[in-house]
Amino acid sequence: MATFEFEYTEIDGLLYPNIEIDGKAELDGLGQYGRLRLIYLHEQKPEMYRELLLTGKLAEHCQEYDERGYELSEKLQGAYIEKYPLPNDDFMETVRIRTQAMEWAEEIVIYQLTDE
């Protein structure tokens, strides 16, 4: 087991470790699916979250899931639109089909990303 030595800052008689997260800028720049993965790891898999955080691989892991999520979402939306073609003359029907495709794809992507 690895041991860590930290410098501490005292605030109101309590010592707080001076910890900087590697990849903080990348975590702040995550898209929807990367943020969902980060939240999922933090809430549902705290051991994996801590391991990735301490090894500096958390941002890379979430960025990978973000990219995979968007790629899968685009592919699923394309498949949905192939099955339900967009009409040329009805704008509102086009909006409805695109919205359904987006919601359907998002539901599947979220399920698959949290199932791994």
Protein backbone atom coordinates (compact mmCIF):
# COMPACT_ATOMS: atom_id res chain seq x y z
CA MET A 1 0.00 0.00 0.00
CA ALA A 2 1.31 3.42 -0.92
CA THR A 3 1.92 5.99 1.77
CA PHE A 4 1.50 9.67 1.07
CA GLU A 5 3.11 12.63 2.77
CA PHE A 6 1.23 15.90 2.57
CA GLU A 7 1.87 19.45 3.59
CA TYR A 8 -0.91 20.91 5.69
CA THR A 9 -2.57 24.29 6.10
CA GLU A 10 -4.04 25.21 9.48
CA ILE A 11 -7.41 26.93 9.46
CA ASP A 12 -9.22 27.59 12.76
CA GLY A 13 -7.14 24.97 14.56
CA LEU A 14 -7.80 22.24 11.97
CA LEU A 15 -5.18 20.87 9.57
CA TYR A 16 -6.19 20.51 5.91
CA PRO A 17 -3.92 18.67 3.47
CA ASN A 18 -2.65 20.69 0.51
CA ILE A 19 -3.81 18.44 -2.31
CA GLU A 20 -3.91 19.41 -5.96
CA ILE A 21 -5.86 17.28 -8.36
CA ASP A 22 -3.98 16.32 -11.51
CA GLY A 23 -6.11 17.15 -14.52
CA LYS A 24 -8.34 19.71 -12.75
CA ALA A 25 -8.66 21.72 -15.97
CA GLU A 26 -9.65 18.57 -17.87
CA LEU A 27 -12.26 17.71 -15.24
CA ASP A 28 -13.69 21.21 -15.48
CA GLY A 29 -13.89 20.87 -19.27
CA LEU A 30 -15.73 17.54 -19.34
CA GLY A 31 -18.88 17.19 -21.38
CA GLN A 32 -22.18 15.71 -20.23
CA TYR A 33 -21.18 12.05 -20.29
CA GLY A 34 -17.80 12.63 -18.63
CA ARG A 35 -19.45 14.57 -15.80
CA LEU A 36 -22.06 11.84 -15.39
CA ARG A 37 -19.28 9.24 -15.16
CA LEU A 38 -17.46 11.36 -12.58
CA ILE A 39 -20.60 11.67 -10.45
CA TYR A 40 -21.35 7.96 -10.84
CA LEU A 41 -17.85 6.98 -9.71
CA HIS A 42 -17.96 9.37 -6.77
CA GLU A 43 -21.37 8.20 -5.55
CA GLN A 44 -21.50 4.53 -6.55
CA LYS A 45 -17.88 3.35 -6.80
CA PRO A 46 -15.90 5.36 -4.24
CA GLU A 47 -12.99 2.88 -4.18
CA MET A 48 -12.46 3.17 -7.93
CA TYR A 49 -12.89 6.96 -7.71
CA ARG A 50 -10.20 7.26 -5.01
CA GLU A 51 -7.81 4.98 -6.88
CA LEU A 52 -8.17 6.95 -10.11
CA LEU A 53 -7.87 10.24 -8.22
CA LEU A 54 -4.73 9.24 -6.33
CA THR A 55 -3.03 7.78 -9.42
CA GLY A 56 -3.84 10.89 -11.49
CA LYS A 57 -5.95 8.97 -14.02
CA LEU A 58 -9.39 10.30 -13.10
CA ALA A 59 -9.49 13.06 -15.73
CA GLU A 60 -8.23 10.72 -18.45
CA HIS A 61 -10.79 8.07 -17.49
CA CYS A 62 -13.71 10.52 -17.53
CA GLN A 63 -12.53 12.13 -20.78
CA GLU A 64 -12.47 8.69 -22.41
CA TYR A 65 -16.05 8.02 -21.29
CA ASP A 66 -17.10 11.45 -22.50
CA GLU A 67 -15.73 10.79 -25.99
CA ARG A 68 -17.20 7.29 -26.13
CA GLY A 69 -20.57 8.62 -24.97
CA TYR A 70 -20.77 11.29 -27.65
CA GLU A 71 -19.65 8.89 -30.39
CA LEU A 72 -22.24 6.31 -29.35
CA SER A 73 -24.94 8.98 -29.09
CA GLU A 74 -24.26 10.25 -32.61
CA LYS A 75 -24.31 6.71 -33.99
CA LEU A 76 -27.60 5.89 -32.23
CA GLN A 77 -29.25 9.13 -33.35
CA GLY A 78 -28.23 8.38 -36.92
CA ALA A 79 -29.72 4.89 -36.69
CA TYR A 80 -32.97 6.31 -35.27
CA ILE A 81 -33.24 8.86 -38.07
CA GLU A 82 -32.60 6.14 -40.66
CA LYS A 83 -35.50 4.16 -39.21
CA TYR A 84 -37.76 7.23 -38.95
CA PRO A 85 -36.78 9.51 -41.86
CA LEU A 86 -37.14 13.26 -41.49
CA PRO A 87 -39.94 14.84 -43.54
CA ASN A 88 -38.96 17.64 -45.93
CA ASP A 89 -42.09 19.72 -45.55
CA ASP A 90 -42.99 19.56 -41.83
CA PHE A 91 -40.60 21.46 -39.58
CA MET A 92 -42.33 20.54 -36.32
CA GLU A 93 -42.30 16.83 -37.20
CA THR A 94 -38.57 17.11 -37.96
CA VAL A 95 -37.98 18.69 -34.55
CA ARG A 96 -40.06 15.99 -32.86
CA ILE A 97 -38.15 13.13 -34.53
CA ARG A 98 -34.75 14.70 -33.77
CA THR A 99 -35.76 15.25 -30.13
CA GLN A 100 -36.94 11.67 -29.79
CA ALA A 101 -33.72 10.41 -31.36
CA MET A 102 -31.64 12.48 -28.94
CA GLU A 103 -33.60 11.35 -25.87
CA TRP A 104 -33.54 7.70 -26.96
CA ALA A 105 -29.80 7.78 -27.62
CA GLU A 106 -29.07 9.60 -24.36
CA GLU A 107 -30.98 7.02 -22.34
CA ILE A 108 -29.06 4.15 -23.90
CA VAL A 109 -25.68 5.86 -23.56
CA ILE A 110 -26.23 6.68 -19.88
CA TYR A 111 -27.28 3.10 -19.17
CA GLN A 112 -24.25 1.66 -20.96
CA LEU A 113 -21.74 4.04 -19.38
CA THR A 114 -22.94 3.33 -15.85
CA ASP A 115 -23.22 -0.40 -16.47
CA GLU A 116 -19.44 -0.81 -17.02
